[in-house]
Amino acid sequence: MKTLVKFVNDALEELRHVRWPTRQQAVRFSAVVLAFTAVSAALFGALDFVLTQILNYFISLV
């Protein structure tokens, strides 16, 4: 039990040392993540569509 209390106290002490981002930085980082996610989803969607069309073409030959 004593080690658990020490662990929690040490974790809280470390959290006091964290340099948290400002609101502007958090908004900017969130926008970057959302943009990257949207671009990645579009690219993977396009790749999926192309590969599906290719597969359907080969299946239709059989």
Protein backbone atom coordinates (compact mmCIF):
# COMPACT_ATOMS: atom_id res chain seq x y z
CA MET A 1 0.00 0.00 0.00
CA LYS A 2 2.86 2.34 0.84
CA THR A 3 4.42 1.86 -2.60
CA LEU A 4 1.11 2.67 -4.30
CA VAL A 5 0.83 5.95 -2.39
CA LYS A 6 4.44 6.79 -3.27
CA PHE A 7 3.78 6.00 -6.93
CA VAL A 8 0.72 8.28 -7.04
CA ASN A 9 2.58 11.09 -5.29
CA ASP A 10 5.53 10.75 -7.67
CA ALA A 11 3.20 10.76 -10.67
CA LEU A 12 1.47 13.92 -9.45
CA GLU A 13 4.85 15.54 -8.86
CA GLU A 14 5.88 14.74 -12.44
CA LEU A 15 2.64 16.24 -13.75
CA ARG A 16 3.59 19.52 -12.10
CA HIS A 17 6.75 19.57 -14.24
CA VAL A 18 4.89 19.07 -17.53
CA ARG A 19 4.86 22.08 -19.84
CA TRP A 20 1.29 22.08 -21.11
CA PRO A 21 0.51 23.65 -24.51
CA THR A 22 -1.34 26.94 -24.70
CA ARG A 23 -4.88 27.00 -26.02
CA GLN A 24 -3.65 28.35 -29.37
CA GLN A 25 -1.06 25.58 -29.67
CA ALA A 26 -3.61 22.91 -28.78
CA VAL A 27 -6.03 24.21 -31.43
CA ARG A 28 -3.26 24.36 -34.04
CA PHE A 29 -2.02 20.84 -33.25
CA SER A 30 -5.59 19.51 -33.36
CA ALA A 31 -6.12 21.12 -36.77
CA VAL A 32 -2.91 19.52 -38.07
CA VAL A 33 -4.00 16.10 -36.79
CA LEU A 34 -7.47 16.45 -38.33
CA ALA A 35 -6.04 17.58 -41.67
CA PHE A 36 -3.53 14.73 -41.74
CA THR A 37 -6.29 12.26 -40.87
CA ALA A 38 -8.56 13.59 -43.62
CA VAL A 39 -5.80 13.45 -46.25
CA SER A 40 -4.79 9.94 -45.16
CA ALA A 41 -8.41 8.75 -45.25
CA ALA A 42 -8.86 10.19 -48.75
CA LEU A 43 -5.68 8.53 -50.02
CA PHE A 44 -6.52 5.15 -48.50
CA GLY A 45 -10.07 5.43 -49.81
CA ALA A 46 -8.81 6.16 -53.31
CA LEU A 47 -6.33 3.27 -53.11
CA ASP A 48 -9.09 0.96 -51.89
CA PHE A 49 -11.34 2.05 -54.77
CA VAL A 50 -8.61 1.48 -57.37
CA LEU A 51 -7.67 -1.94 -56.00
CA THR A 52 -11.35 -2.94 -55.85
CA GLN A 53 -11.81 -1.97 -59.50
CA ILE A 54 -8.73 -3.95 -60.50
CA LEU A 55 -9.91 -6.98 -58.54
CA ASN A 56 -13.40 -6.76 -60.04
CA TYR A 57 -11.87 -6.59 -63.52
CA PHE A 58 -9.86 -9.78 -62.96
CA ILE A 59 -12.85 -11.53 -61.42
CA SER A 60 -15.00 -10.65 -64.43
CA LEU A 61 -12.45 -12.34 -66.72
CA VAL A 62 -13.02 -15.69 -65.06
